[in-house]
Amino acid sequence: MKPGDDRIEVLGLRVIARHGVLPEERERAQPFEIDLEIEADLSDAARHDDLSRTVDYGAVVERVTEVATTKSFELLEALADAIAASVLTDSRADAVTVRVRKLRPPVAADVACVAVTLRRSLA
């Protein structure tokens, strides 16, 4: 297996937060959905069946939820970047792809959501 082939995925993490450019977006909390693909070498954890040898997705969810709900950003890009930085504080994570979806975007059209996806790595 090549480095980067192993992944831990957290899909559909929903938070209620205040992010956006418009004043009403910053005043009224709204739903966001977050997906994470964390690249890490999972072979040692799999071999030993040991949580201490892997990225603890429970701890990641707590950190990401804290970033998303206690800080406020105008842009989804800034929110996604802050989330990526919080995931990469775990030294076992080599890279992370973050997708943030705003489920009720303030646009004059019927859209399911708007989203930003970015990938960050330690290298």
PDB file of N, CA and C in Angstrom:
ATOM      1  N   MET A   1       0.840  -1.183   0.000  1.00  0.00           N
ATOM      2  CA  MET A   1       0.000   0.000   0.000  1.00  0.00           C
ATOM      3  C   MET A   1       0.886   1.247   0.000  1.00  0.00           C
ATOM      4  N   LYS A   2       0.575   2.176  -0.862  1.00  0.00           N
ATOM      5  CA  LYS A   2       1.339   3.417  -0.954  1.00  0.00           C
ATOM      6  C   LYS A   2       0.959   4.363   0.174  1.00  0.00           C
ATOM      7  N   PRO A   3       1.913   5.210   0.613  1.00  0.00           N
ATOM      8  CA  PRO A   3       1.543   6.246   1.586  1.00  0.00           C
ATOM      9  C   PRO A   3       0.400   7.092   1.022  1.00  0.00           C
ATOM     10  N   GLY A   4      -0.545   7.412   1.876  1.00  0.00           N
ATOM     11  CA  GLY A   4      -1.680   8.215   1.453  1.00  0.00           C
ATOM     12  C   GLY A   4      -2.878   7.404   1.014  1.00  0.00           C
ATOM     13  N   ASP A   5      -2.720   6.069   0.903  1.00  0.00           N
ATOM     14  CA  ASP A   5      -3.845   5.231   0.504  1.00  0.00           C
ATOM     15  C   ASP A   5      -4.829   5.004   1.651  1.00  0.00           C
ATOM     16  N   ASP A   6      -4.332   5.010   2.892  1.00  0.00           N
ATOM     17  CA  ASP A   6      -5.192   4.795   4.058  1.00  0.00           C
ATOM     18  C   ASP A   6      -5.925   6.088   4.392  1.00  0.00           C
ATOM     19  N   ARG A   7      -7.189   5.935   4.799  1.00  0.00           N
ATOM     20  CA  ARG A   7      -7.992   7.107   5.132  1.00  0.00           C
ATOM     21  C   ARG A   7      -8.972   6.783   6.248  1.00  0.00           C
ATOM     22  N   ILE A   8      -9.219   7.779   7.050  1.00  0.00           N
ATOM     23  CA  ILE A   8     -10.337   7.763   7.989  1.00  0.00           C
ATOM     24  C   ILE A   8     -11.295   8.830   7.481  1.00  0.00           C
ATOM     25  N   GLU A   9     -12.559   8.474   7.342  1.00  0.00           N
ATOM     26  CA  GLU A   9     -13.549   9.422   6.838  1.00  0.00           C
ATOM     27  C   GLU A   9     -14.576   9.732   7.923  1.00  0.00           C
ATOM     28  N   VAL A  10     -14.876  11.001   8.049  1.00  0.00           N
ATOM     29  CA  VAL A  10     -15.977  11.475   8.886  1.00  0.00           C
ATOM     30  C   VAL A  10     -16.903  12.197   7.918  1.00  0.00           C
ATOM     31  N   LEU A  11     -18.111  11.682   7.762  1.00  0.00           N
ATOM     32  CA  LEU A  11     -19.017  12.206   6.741  1.00  0.00           C
ATOM     33  C   LEU A  11     -20.297  12.739   7.367  1.00  0.00           C
ATOM     34  N   GLY A  12     -20.683  13.921   6.922  1.00  0.00           N
ATOM     35  CA  GLY A  12     -21.972  14.471   7.330  1.00  0.00           C
ATOM     36  C   GLY A  12     -22.030  14.995   8.754  1.00  0.00           C
ATOM     37  N   LEU A  13     -20.910  15.498   9.262  1.00  0.00           N
ATOM     38  CA  LEU A  13     -20.919  16.125  10.594  1.00  0.00           C
ATOM     39  C   LEU A  13     -21.720  17.421  10.499  1.00  0.00           C
ATOM     40  N   ARG A  14     -22.811  17.497  11.224  1.00  0.00           N
ATOM     41  CA  ARG A  14     -23.673  18.682  11.162  1.00  0.00           C
ATOM     42  C   ARG A  14     -23.450  19.556  12.379  1.00  0.00           C
ATOM     43  N   VAL A  15     -23.303  20.845  12.115  1.00  0.00           N
ATOM     44  CA  VAL A  15     -23.151  21.831  13.181  1.00  0.00           C
ATOM     45  C   VAL A  15     -24.049  23.015  12.872  1.00  0.00           C
ATOM     46  N   ILE A  16     -24.416  23.717  13.909  1.00  0.00           N
ATOM     47  CA  ILE A  16     -25.162  24.969  13.779  1.00  0.00           C
ATOM     48  C   ILE A  16     -24.179  26.069  14.167  1.00  0.00           C
ATOM     49  N   ALA A  17     -23.942  26.995  13.239  1.00  0.00           N
ATOM     50  CA  ALA A  17     -22.891  27.985  13.453  1.00  0.00           C
ATOM     51  C   ALA A  17     -23.225  29.290  12.738  1.00  0.00           C
ATOM     52  N   ARG A  18     -22.361  30.273  12.938  1.00  0.00           N
ATOM     53  CA  ARG A  18     -22.554  31.615  12.372  1.00  0.00           C
ATOM     54  C   ARG A  18     -21.365  31.969  11.481  1.00  0.00           C
ATOM     55  N   HIS A  19     -21.499  31.681  10.198  1.00  0.00           N
ATOM     56  CA  HIS A  19     -20.460  31.997   9.222  1.00  0.00           C
ATOM     57  C   HIS A  19     -21.120  32.614   8.007  1.00  0.00           C
ATOM     58  N   GLY A  20     -20.506  33.635   7.458  1.00  0.00           N
ATOM     59  CA  GLY A  20     -21.022  34.253   6.246  1.00  0.00           C
ATOM     60  C   GLY A  20     -20.638  35.717   6.158  1.00  0.00           C
ATOM     61  N   VAL A  21     -20.835  36.271   4.995  1.00  0.00           N
ATOM     62  CA  VAL A  21     -20.503  37.665   4.727  1.00  0.00           C
ATOM     63  C   VAL A  21     -21.632  38.597   5.160  1.00  0.00           C
ATOM     64  N   LEU A  22     -22.861  38.174   4.948  1.00  0.00           N
ATOM     65  CA  LEU A  22     -24.002  39.034   5.242  1.00  0.00           C
ATOM     66  C   LEU A  22     -24.256  39.137   6.743  1.00  0.00           C
ATOM     67  N   PRO A  23     -24.686  40.314   7.205  1.00  0.00           N
ATOM     68  CA  PRO A  23     -24.940  40.497   8.638  1.00  0.00           C
ATOM     69  C   PRO A  23     -25.903  39.464   9.216  1.00  0.00           C
ATOM     70  N   GLU A  24     -26.964  39.147   8.472  1.00  0.00           N
ATOM     71  CA  GLU A  24     -27.927  38.178   9.003  1.00  0.00           C
ATOM     72  C   GLU A  24     -27.328  36.773   9.152  1.00  0.00           C
ATOM     73  N   GLU A  25     -26.325  36.445   8.330  1.00  0.00           N
ATOM     74  CA  GLU A  25     -25.660  35.146   8.465  1.00  0.00           C
ATOM     75  C   GLU A  25     -24.821  35.088   9.745  1.00  0.00           C
ATOM     76  N   ARG A  26     -24.316  36.227  10.161  1.00  0.00           N
ATOM     77  CA  ARG A  26     -23.477  36.281  11.352  1.00  0.00           C
ATOM     78  C   ARG A  26     -24.310  36.432  12.628  1.00  0.00           C
ATOM     79  N   GLU A  27     -25.554  36.873  12.468  1.00  0.00           N
ATOM     80  CA  GLU A  27     -26.444  37.048  13.618  1.00  0.00           C
ATOM     81  C   GLU A  27     -27.281  35.809  13.898  1.00  0.00           C
ATOM     82  N   ARG A  28     -27.670  35.103  12.846  1.00  0.00           N
ATOM     83  CA  ARG A  28     -28.572  33.950  12.992  1.00  0.00           C
ATOM     84  C   ARG A  28     -27.814  32.674  12.649  1.00  0.00           C
ATOM     85  N   ALA A  29     -27.723  31.766  13.600  1.00  0.00           N
ATOM     86  CA  ALA A  29     -27.040  30.500  13.371  1.00  0.00           C
ATOM     87  C   ALA A  29     -27.756  29.710  12.281  1.00  0.00           C
ATOM     88  N   GLN A  30     -26.990  28.962  11.520  1.00  0.00           N
ATOM     89  CA  GLN A  30     -27.518  28.192  10.409  1.00  0.00           C
ATOM     90  C   GLN A  30     -26.794  26.852  10.314  1.00  0.00           C
ATOM     91  N   PRO A  31     -27.351  25.885   9.601  1.00  0.00           N
ATOM     92  CA  PRO A  31     -26.725  24.566   9.533  1.00  0.00           C
ATOM     93  C   PRO A  31     -25.601  24.491   8.501  1.00  0.00           C
ATOM     94  N   PHE A  32     -24.555  23.777   8.891  1.00  0.00           N
ATOM     95  CA  PHE A  32     -23.424  23.461   8.026  1.00  0.00           C
ATOM     96  C   PHE A  32     -23.180  21.965   8.130  1.00  0.00           C
ATOM     97  N   GLU A  33     -22.635  21.400   7.065  1.00  0.00           N
ATOM     98  CA  GLU A  33     -22.280  19.987   7.077  1.00  0.00           C
ATOM     99  C   GLU A  33     -20.823  19.865   6.651  1.00  0.00           C
ATOM    100  N   ILE A  34     -20.093  19.004   7.353  1.00  0.00           N
ATOM    101  CA  ILE A  34     -18.650  18.889   7.158  1.00  0.00           C
ATOM    102  C   ILE A  34     -18.291  17.432   6.892  1.00  0.00           C
ATOM    103  N   ASP A  35     -17.466  17.221   5.866  1.00  0.00           N
ATOM    104  CA  ASP A  35     -16.877  15.912   5.584  1.00  0.00           C
ATOM    105  C   ASP A  35     -15.367  16.028   5.723  1.00  0.00           C
ATOM    106  N   LEU A  36     -14.764  14.979   6.261  1.00  0.00           N
ATOM    107  CA  LEU A  36     -13.310  14.923   6.409  1.00  0.00           C
ATOM    108  C   LEU A  36     -12.795  13.617   5.816  1.00  0.00           C
ATOM    109  N   GLU A  37     -11.707  13.695   5.082  1.00  0.00           N
ATOM    110  CA  GLU A  37     -10.958  12.516   4.663  1.00  0.00           C
ATOM    111  C   GLU A  37      -9.548  12.706   5.201  1.00  0.00           C
ATOM    112  N   ILE A  38      -9.217  11.936   6.221  1.00  0.00           N
ATOM    113  CA  ILE A  38      -7.925  12.081   6.895  1.00  0.00           C
ATOM    114  C   ILE A  38      -6.985  11.001   6.378  1.00  0.00           C
ATOM    115  N   GLU A  39      -5.886  11.426   5.774  1.00  0.00           N
ATOM    116  CA  GLU A  39      -4.884  10.490   5.277  1.00  0.00           C
ATOM    117  C   GLU A  39      -3.876  10.215   6.382  1.00  0.00           C
ATOM    118  N   ALA A  40      -3.673   8.931   6.665  1.00  0.00           N
ATOM    119  CA  ALA A  40      -2.728   8.524   7.705  1.00  0.00           C
ATOM    120  C   ALA A  40      -2.340   7.073   7.446  1.00  0.00           C
ATOM    121  N   ASP A  41      -1.175   6.676   7.925  1.00  0.00           N
ATOM    122  CA  ASP A  41      -0.772   5.278   7.850  1.00  0.00           C
ATOM    123  C   ASP A  41      -1.503   4.530   8.959  1.00  0.00           C
ATOM    124  N   LEU A  42      -2.452   3.698   8.576  1.00  0.00           N
ATOM    125  CA  LEU A  42      -3.281   2.982   9.543  1.00  0.00           C
ATOM    126  C   LEU A  42      -2.814   1.557   9.789  1.00  0.00           C
ATOM    127  N   SER A  43      -1.698   1.165   9.185  1.00  0.00           N
ATOM    128  CA  SER A  43      -1.249  -0.227   9.269  1.00  0.00           C
ATOM    129  C   SER A  43      -0.901  -0.642  10.693  1.00  0.00           C
ATOM    130  N   ASP A  44      -0.215   0.198  11.441  1.00  0.00           N
ATOM    131  CA  ASP A  44       0.170  -0.149  12.811  1.00  0.00           C
ATOM    132  C   ASP A  44      -1.063  -0.299  13.706  1.00  0.00           C
ATOM    133  N   ALA A  45      -2.005   0.605  13.569  1.00  0.00           N
ATOM    134  CA  ALA A  45      -3.244   0.517  14.354  1.00  0.00           C
ATOM    135  C   ALA A  45      -4.019  -0.744  13.992  1.00  0.00           C
ATOM    136  N   ALA A  46      -4.097  -1.052  12.711  1.00  0.00           N
ATOM    137  CA  ALA A  46      -4.821  -2.243  12.271  1.00  0.00           C
ATOM    138  C   ALA A  46      -4.144  -3.516  12.782  1.00  0.00           C
ATOM    139  N   ARG A  47      -2.835  -3.531  12.712  1.00  0.00           N
ATOM    140  CA  ARG A  47      -2.071  -4.703  13.149  1.00  0.00           C
ATOM    141  C   ARG A  47      -2.221  -4.949  14.647  1.00  0.00           C
ATOM    142  N   HIS A  48      -2.244  -3.876  15.442  1.00  0.00           N
ATOM    143  CA  HIS A  48      -2.260  -4.009  16.900  1.00  0.00           C
ATOM    144  C   HIS A  48      -3.635  -3.777  17.523  1.00  0.00           C
ATOM    145  N   ASP A  49      -4.610  -3.366  16.723  1.00  0.00           N
ATOM    146  CA  ASP A  49      -5.959  -3.095  17.226  1.00  0.00           C
ATOM    147  C   ASP A  49      -5.900  -2.170  18.432  1.00  0.00           C
ATOM    148  N   ASP A  50      -5.229  -1.010  18.227  1.00  0.00           N
ATOM    149  CA  ASP A  50      -4.907  -0.115  19.331  1.00  0.00           C
ATOM    150  C   ASP A  50      -5.233   1.330  18.937  1.00  0.00           C
ATOM    151  N   LEU A  51      -6.167   1.942  19.656  1.00  0.00           N
ATOM    152  CA  LEU A  51      -6.588   3.312  19.369  1.00  0.00           C
ATOM    153  C   LEU A  51      -5.440   4.310  19.458  1.00  0.00           C
ATOM    154  N   SER A  52      -4.494   4.067  20.351  1.00  0.00           N
ATOM    155  CA  SER A  52      -3.392   5.020  20.520  1.00  0.00           C
ATOM    156  C   SER A  52      -2.453   5.057  19.310  1.00  0.00           C
ATOM    157  N   ARG A  53      -2.635   4.143  18.367  1.00  0.00           N
ATOM    158  CA  ARG A  53      -1.765   4.084  17.188  1.00  0.00           C
ATOM    159  C   ARG A  53      -2.451   4.618  15.929  1.00  0.00           C
ATOM    160  N   THR A  54      -3.567   5.318  16.127  1.00  0.00           N
ATOM    161  CA  THR A  54      -4.296   5.850  14.978  1.00  0.00           C
ATOM    162  C   THR A  54      -4.807   7.254  15.291  1.00  0.00           C
ATOM    163  N   VAL A  55      -5.429   7.870  14.319  1.00  0.00           N
ATOM    164  CA  VAL A  55      -6.092   9.155  14.517  1.00  0.00           C
ATOM    165  C   VAL A  55      -7.433   8.861  15.178  1.00  0.00           C
ATOM    166  N   ASP A  56      -7.652   9.405  16.342  1.00  0.00           N
ATOM    167  CA  ASP A  56      -8.894   9.193  17.091  1.00  0.00           C
ATOM    168  C   ASP A  56      -9.973  10.084  16.489  1.00  0.00           C
ATOM    169  N   TYR A  57     -10.881   9.499  15.715  1.00  0.00           N
ATOM    170  CA  TYR A  57     -11.884  10.319  15.039  1.00  0.00           C
ATOM    171  C   TYR A  57     -12.841  10.978  16.019  1.00  0.00           C
ATOM    172  N   GLY A  58     -13.018  10.402  17.195  1.00  0.00           N
ATOM    173  CA  GLY A  58     -13.847  11.055  18.208  1.00  0.00           C
ATOM    174  C   GLY A  58     -13.243  12.377  18.646  1.00  0.00           C
ATOM    175  N   ALA A  59     -11.931  12.378  18.875  1.00  0.00           N
ATOM    176  CA  ALA A  59     -11.231  13.606  19.251  1.00  0.00           C
ATOM    177  C   ALA A  59     -11.241  14.609  18.100  1.00  0.00           C
ATOM    178  N   VAL A  60     -11.111  14.117  16.873  1.00  0.00           N
ATOM    179  CA  VAL A  60     -11.153  14.996  15.700  1.00  0.00           C
ATOM    180  C   VAL A  60     -12.520  15.677  15.609  1.00  0.00           C
ATOM    181  N   VAL A  61     -13.591  14.918  15.790  1.00  0.00           N
ATOM    182  CA  VAL A  61     -14.938  15.486  15.725  1.00  0.00           C
ATOM    183  C   VAL A  61     -15.105  16.578  16.779  1.00  0.00           C
ATOM    184  N   GLU A  62     -14.596  16.349  17.978  1.00  0.00           N
ATOM    185  CA  GLU A  62     -14.683  17.381  19.025  1.00  0.00           C
ATOM    186  C   GLU A  62     -13.949  18.646  18.618  1.00  0.00           C
ATOM    187  N   ARG A  63     -12.717  18.509  18.098  1.00  0.00           N
ATOM    188  CA  ARG A  63     -11.942  19.693  17.697  1.00  0.00           C
ATOM    189  C   ARG A  63     -12.616  20.439  16.552  1.00  0.00           C
ATOM    190  N   VAL A  64     -13.091  19.712  15.560  1.00  0.00           N
ATOM    191  CA  VAL A  64     -13.730  20.336  14.400  1.00  0.00           C
ATOM    192  C   VAL A  64     -15.020  21.049  14.824  1.00  0.00           C
ATOM    193  N   THR A  65     -15.799  20.404  15.668  1.00  0.00           N
ATOM    194  CA  THR A  65     -17.035  21.020  16.155  1.00  0.00           C
ATOM    195  C   THR A  65     -16.724  22.302  16.921  1.00  0.00           C
ATOM    196  N   GLU A  66     -15.680  22.277  17.731  1.00  0.00           N
ATOM    197  CA  GLU A  66     -15.299  23.472  18.481  1.00  0.00           C
ATOM    198  C   GLU A  66     -14.900  24.610  17.544  1.00  0.00           C
ATOM    199  N   VAL A  67     -14.084  24.308  16.539  1.00  0.00           N
ATOM    200  CA  VAL A  67     -13.681  25.339  15.571  1.00  0.00           C
ATOM    201  C   VAL A  67     -14.909  25.919  14.875  1.00  0.00           C
ATOM    202  N   ALA A  68     -15.790  25.047  14.415  1.00  0.00           N
ATOM    203  CA  ALA A  68     -16.941  25.494  13.624  1.00  0.00           C
ATOM    204  C   ALA A  68     -17.963  26.272  14.441  1.00  0.00           C
ATOM    205  N   THR A  69     -18.067  25.979  15.746  1.00  0.00           N
ATOM    206  CA  THR A  69     -19.129  26.600  16.539  1.00  0.00           C
ATOM    207  C   THR A  69     -18.659  27.730  17.446  1.00  0.00           C
ATOM    208  N   THR A  70     -17.359  27.854  17.682  1.00  0.00           N
ATOM    209  CA  THR A  70     -16.888  28.917  18.574  1.00  0.00           C
ATOM    210  C   THR A  70     -16.202  30.056  17.833  1.00  0.00           C
ATOM    211  N   LYS A  71     -15.872  29.849  16.572  1.00  0.00           N
ATOM    212  CA  LYS A  71     -15.267  30.904  15.763  1.00  0.00           C
ATOM    213  C   LYS A  71     -16.263  31.313  14.692  1.00  0.00           C
ATOM    214  N   SER A  72     -16.015  32.461  14.088  1.00  0.00           N
ATOM    215  CA  SER A  72     -16.895  32.930  13.025  1.00  0.00           C
ATOM    216  C   SER A  72     -16.041  33.413  11.856  1.00  0.00           C
ATOM    217  N   PHE A  73     -16.378  32.944  10.674  1.00  0.00           N
ATOM    218  CA  PHE A  73     -15.643  33.303   9.466  1.00  0.00           C
ATOM    219  C   PHE A  73     -16.607  33.855   8.435  1.00  0.00           C
ATOM    220  N   GLU A  74     -16.131  34.771   7.611  1.00  0.00           N
ATOM    221  CA  GLU A  74     -16.955  35.261   6.521  1.00  0.00           C
ATOM    222  C   GLU A  74     -17.034  34.230   5.403  1.00  0.00           C
ATOM    223  N   LEU A  75     -15.914  33.593   5.096  1.00  0.00           N
ATOM    224  CA  LEU A  75     -15.844  32.690   3.946  1.00  0.00           C
ATOM    225  C   LEU A  75     -15.780  31.229   4.366  1.00  0.00           C
ATOM    226  N   LEU A  76     -16.433  30.379   3.581  1.00  0.00           N
ATOM    227  CA  LEU A  76     -16.323  28.935   3.795  1.00  0.00           C
ATOM    228  C   LEU A  76     -14.876  28.478   3.635  1.00  0.00           C
ATOM    229  N   GLU A  77     -14.131  29.143   2.763  1.00  0.00           N
ATOM    230  CA  GLU A  77     -12.726  28.794   2.558  1.00  0.00           C
ATOM    231  C   GLU A  77     -11.933  28.947   3.860  1.00  0.00           C
ATOM    232  N   ALA A  78     -12.192  30.027   4.587  1.00  0.00           N
ATOM    233  CA  ALA A  78     -11.478  30.262   5.855  1.00  0.00           C
ATOM    234  C   ALA A  78     -11.899  29.252   6.912  1.00  0.00           C
ATOM    235  N   LEU A  79     -13.180  28.928   6.959  1.00  0.00           N
ATOM    236  CA  LEU A  79     -13.658  27.919   7.896  1.00  0.00           C
ATOM    237  C   LEU A  79     -13.019  26.571   7.588  1.00  0.00           C
ATOM    238  N   ALA A  80     -13.026  26.169   6.327  1.00  0.00           N
ATOM    239  CA  ALA A  80     -12.436  24.875   5.942  1.00  0.00           C
ATOM    240  C   ALA A  80     -10.942  24.827   6.263  1.00  0.00           C
ATOM    241  N   ASP A  81     -10.239  25.928   6.048  1.00  0.00           N
ATOM    242  CA  ASP A  81      -8.806  25.979   6.347  1.00  0.00           C
ATOM    243  C   ASP A  81      -8.554  25.837   7.847  1.00  0.00           C
ATOM    244  N   ALA A  82      -9.358  26.490   8.671  1.00  0.00           N
ATOM    245  CA  ALA A  82      -9.215  26.378  10.127  1.00  0.00           C
ATOM    246  C   ALA A  82      -9.520  24.952  10.593  1.00  0.00           C
ATOM    247  N   ILE A  83     -10.513  24.332   9.981  1.00  0.00           N
ATOM    248  CA  ILE A  83     -10.823  22.938  10.308  1.00  0.00           C
ATOM    249  C   ILE A  83      -9.649  22.041   9.945  1.00  0.00           C
ATOM    250  N   ALA A  84      -9.094  22.232   8.759  1.00  0.00           N
ATOM    251  CA  ALA A  84      -7.939  21.427   8.337  1.00  0.00           C
ATOM    252  C   ALA A  84      -6.782  21.575   9.313  1.00  0.00           C
ATOM    253  N   ALA A  85      -6.512  22.795   9.726  1.00  0.00           N
ATOM    254  CA  ALA A  85      -5.418  23.027  10.679  1.00  0.00           C
ATOM    255  C   ALA A  85      -5.673  22.297  11.991  1.00  0.00           C
ATOM    256  N   SER A  86      -6.929  22.261  12.437  1.00  0.00           N
ATOM    257  CA  SER A  86      -7.235  21.571  13.692  1.00  0.00           C
ATOM    258  C   SER A  86      -7.041  20.062  13.554  1.00  0.00           C
ATOM    259  N   VAL A  87      -7.380  19.509  12.406  1.00  0.00           N
ATOM    260  CA  VAL A  87      -7.180  18.067  12.182  1.00  0.00           C
ATOM    261  C   VAL A  87      -5.689  17.742  12.154  1.00  0.00           C
ATOM    262  N   LEU A  88      -4.917  18.586  11.516  1.00  0.00           N
ATOM    263  CA  LEU A  88      -3.485  18.317  11.362  1.00  0.00           C
ATOM    264  C   LEU A  88      -2.687  18.542  12.644  1.00  0.00           C
ATOM    265  N   THR A  89      -3.344  18.951  13.728  1.00  0.00           N
ATOM    266  CA  THR A  89      -2.632  19.000  15.013  1.00  0.00           C
ATOM    267  C   THR A  89      -2.336  17.596  15.525  1.00  0.00           C
ATOM    268  N   ASP A  90      -3.036  16.586  14.998  1.00  0.00           N
ATOM    269  CA  ASP A  90      -2.729  15.195  15.337  1.00  0.00           C
ATOM    270  C   ASP A  90      -1.542  14.766  14.490  1.00  0.00           C
ATOM    271  N   SER A  91      -0.447  14.424  15.124  1.00  0.00           N
ATOM    272  CA  SER A  91       0.789  14.099  14.408  1.00  0.00           C
ATOM    273  C   SER A  91       0.669  12.848  13.545  1.00  0.00           C
ATOM    274  N   ARG A  92      -0.362  12.033  13.745  1.00  0.00           N
ATOM    275  CA  ARG A  92      -0.536  10.834  12.925  1.00  0.00           C
ATOM    276  C   ARG A  92      -1.205  11.148  11.587  1.00  0.00           C
ATOM    277  N   ALA A  93      -1.828  12.297  11.481  1.00  0.00           N
ATOM    278  CA  ALA A  93      -2.499  12.696  10.237  1.00  0.00           C
ATOM    279  C   ALA A  93      -1.472  13.298   9.288  1.00  0.00           C
ATOM    280  N   ASP A  94      -1.403  12.756   8.085  1.00  0.00           N
ATOM    281  CA  ASP A  94      -0.469  13.258   7.069  1.00  0.00           C
ATOM    282  C   ASP A  94      -1.100  14.361   6.223  1.00  0.00           C
ATOM    283  N   ALA A  95      -2.402  14.241   5.983  1.00  0.00           N
ATOM    284  CA  ALA A  95      -3.119  15.207   5.156  1.00  0.00           C
ATOM    285  C   ALA A  95      -4.605  15.068   5.453  1.00  0.00           C
ATOM    286  N   VAL A  96      -5.353  16.098   5.072  1.00  0.00           N
ATOM    287  CA  VAL A  96      -6.804  16.054   5.257  1.00  0.00           C
ATOM    288  C   VAL A  96      -7.473  16.797   4.113  1.00  0.00           C
ATOM    289  N   THR A  97      -8.559  16.224   3.643  1.00  0.00           N
ATOM    290  CA  THR A  97      -9.447  16.906   2.711  1.00  0.00           C
ATOM    291  C   THR A  97     -10.698  17.281   3.490  1.00  0.00           C
ATOM    292  N   VAL A  98     -11.058  18.551   3.426  1.00  0.00           N
ATOM    293  CA  VAL A  98     -12.209  19.075   4.160  1.00  0.00           C
ATOM    294  C   VAL A  98     -13.223  19.590   3.150  1.00  0.00           C
ATOM    295  N   ARG A  99     -14.464  19.181   3.330  1.00  0.00           N
ATOM    296  CA  ARG A  99     -15.563  19.724   2.528  1.00  0.00           C
ATOM    297  C   ARG A  99     -16.558  20.339   3.502  1.00  0.00           C
ATOM    298  N   VAL A 100     -16.851  21.622   3.309  1.00  0.00           N
ATOM    299  CA  VAL A 100     -17.828  22.322   4.140  1.00  0.00           C
ATOM    300  C   VAL A 100     -18.990  22.730   3.244  1.00  0.00           C
ATOM    301  N   ARG A 101     -20.196  22.351   3.674  1.00  0.00           N
ATOM    302  CA  ARG A 101     -21.401  22.700   2.927  1.00  0.00           C
ATOM    303  C   ARG A 101     -22.270  23.633   3.764  1.00  0.00           C
ATOM    304  N   LYS A 102     -22.669  24.738   3.153  1.00  0.00           N
ATOM    305  CA  LYS A 102     -23.657  25.635   3.767  1.00  0.00           C
ATOM    306  C   LYS A 102     -25.009  25.186   3.236  1.00  0.00           C
ATOM    307  N   LEU A 103     -25.869  24.706   4.135  1.00  0.00           N
ATOM    308  CA  LEU A 103     -27.110  24.072   3.715  1.00  0.00           C
ATOM    309  C   LEU A 103     -28.220  25.049   3.378  1.00  0.00           C
ATOM    310  N   ARG A 104     -28.096  26.292   3.829  1.00  0.00           N
ATOM    311  CA  ARG A 104     -29.091  27.323   3.489  1.00  0.00           C
ATOM    312  C   ARG A 104     -28.381  28.581   2.997  1.00  0.00           C
ATOM    313  N   PRO A 105     -27.763  28.507   1.834  1.00  0.00           N
ATOM    314  CA  PRO A 105     -27.020  29.668   1.341  1.00  0.00           C
ATOM    315  C   PRO A 105     -27.960  30.809   0.940  1.00  0.00           C
ATOM    316  N   PRO A 106     -27.515  32.048   1.154  1.00  0.00           N
ATOM    317  CA  PRO A 106     -28.354  33.203   0.813  1.00  0.00           C
ATOM    318  C   PRO A 106     -28.232  33.572  -0.666  1.00  0.00           C
ATOM    319  N   VAL A 107     -28.788  32.722  -1.513  1.00  0.00           N
ATOM    320  CA  VAL A 107     -28.773  32.988  -2.953  1.00  0.00           C
ATOM    321  C   VAL A 107     -30.203  32.970  -3.471  1.00  0.00           C
ATOM    322  N   ALA A 108     -30.429  33.677  -4.558  1.00  0.00           N
ATOM    323  CA  ALA A 108     -31.769  33.787  -5.134  1.00  0.00           C
ATOM    324  C   ALA A 108     -32.010  32.654  -6.128  1.00  0.00           C
ATOM    325  N   ALA A 109     -31.809  31.426  -5.651  1.00  0.00           N
ATOM    326  CA  ALA A 109     -32.039  30.247  -6.482  1.00  0.00           C
ATOM    327  C   ALA A 109     -32.284  29.062  -5.563  1.00  0.00           C
ATOM    328  N   ASP A 110     -32.906  28.036  -6.101  1.00  0.00           N
ATOM    329  CA  ASP A 110     -33.170  26.821  -5.329  1.00  0.00           C
ATOM    330  C   ASP A 110     -31.961  25.892  -5.464  1.00  0.00           C
ATOM    331  N   VAL A 111     -31.069  25.945  -4.484  1.00  0.00           N
ATOM    332  CA  VAL A 111     -29.893  25.070  -4.477  1.00  0.00           C
ATOM    333  C   VAL A 111     -29.902  24.258  -3.187  1.00  0.00           C
ATOM    334  N   ALA A 112     -29.398  23.045  -3.272  1.00  0.00           N
ATOM    335  CA  ALA A 112     -29.334  22.187  -2.088  1.00  0.00           C
ATOM    336  C   ALA A 112     -28.317  22.720  -1.080  1.00  0.00           C
ATOM    337  N   CYS A 113     -27.205  23.224  -1.594  1.00  0.00           N
ATOM    338  CA  CYS A 113     -26.154  23.765  -0.732  1.00  0.00           C
ATOM    339  C   CYS A 113     -25.094  24.413  -1.601  1.00  0.00           C
ATOM    340  N   VAL A 114     -24.181  25.112  -0.957  1.00  0.00           N
ATOM    341  CA  VAL A 114     -22.937  25.511  -1.594  1.00  0.00           C
ATOM    342  C   VAL A 114     -21.825  24.883  -0.781  1.00  0.00           C
ATOM    343  N   ALA A 115     -20.709  24.591  -1.428  1.00  0.00           N
ATOM    344  CA  ALA A 115     -19.651  23.870  -0.721  1.00  0.00           C
ATOM    345  C   ALA A 115     -18.278  24.351  -1.155  1.00  0.00           C
ATOM    346  N   VAL A 116     -17.329  24.156  -0.254  1.00  0.00           N
ATOM    347  CA  VAL A 116     -15.924  24.395  -0.519  1.00  0.00           C
ATOM    348  C   VAL A 116     -15.187  23.130  -0.111  1.00  0.00           C
ATOM    349  N   THR A 117     -14.252  22.704  -0.959  1.00  0.00           N
ATOM    350  CA  THR A 117     -13.414  21.548  -0.658  1.00  0.00           C
ATOM    351  C   THR A 117     -11.960  21.964  -0.777  1.00  0.00           C
ATOM    352  N   LEU A 118     -11.184  21.618   0.240  1.00  0.00           N
ATOM    353  CA  LEU A 118      -9.751  21.881   0.164  1.00  0.00           C
ATOM    354  C   LEU A 118      -8.973  20.735   0.797  1.00  0.00           C
ATOM    355  N   ARG A 119      -7.723  20.615   0.386  1.00  0.00           N
ATOM    356  CA  ARG A 119      -6.835  19.597   0.928  1.00  0.00           C
ATOM    357  C   ARG A 119      -5.602  20.283   1.483  1.00  0.00           C
ATOM    358  N   ARG A 120      -5.231  19.886   2.674  1.00  0.00           N
ATOM    359  CA  ARG A 120      -4.026  20.405   3.321  1.00  0.00           C
ATOM    360  C   ARG A 120      -3.181  19.221   3.789  1.00  0.00           C
ATOM    361  N   SER A 121      -1.865  19.382   3.750  1.00  0.00           N
ATOM    362  CA  SER A 121      -0.980  18.326   4.210  1.00  0.00           C
ATOM    363  C   SER A 121       0.179  18.935   4.987  1.00  0.00           C
ATOM    364  N   LEU A 122       0.854  18.077   5.709  1.00  0.00           N
ATOM    365  CA  LEU A 122       2.027  18.511   6.474  1.00  0.00           C
ATOM    366  C   LEU A 122       3.228  18.699   5.581  1.00  0.00           C
ATOM    367  N   ALA A 123       3.236  18.050   4.421  1.00  0.00           N
ATOM    368  CA  ALA A 123       4.408  18.114   3.524  1.00  0.00           C
ATOM    369  C   ALA A 123       4.392  19.375   2.692  1.00  0.00           C
TER     370      ALA A 123
END
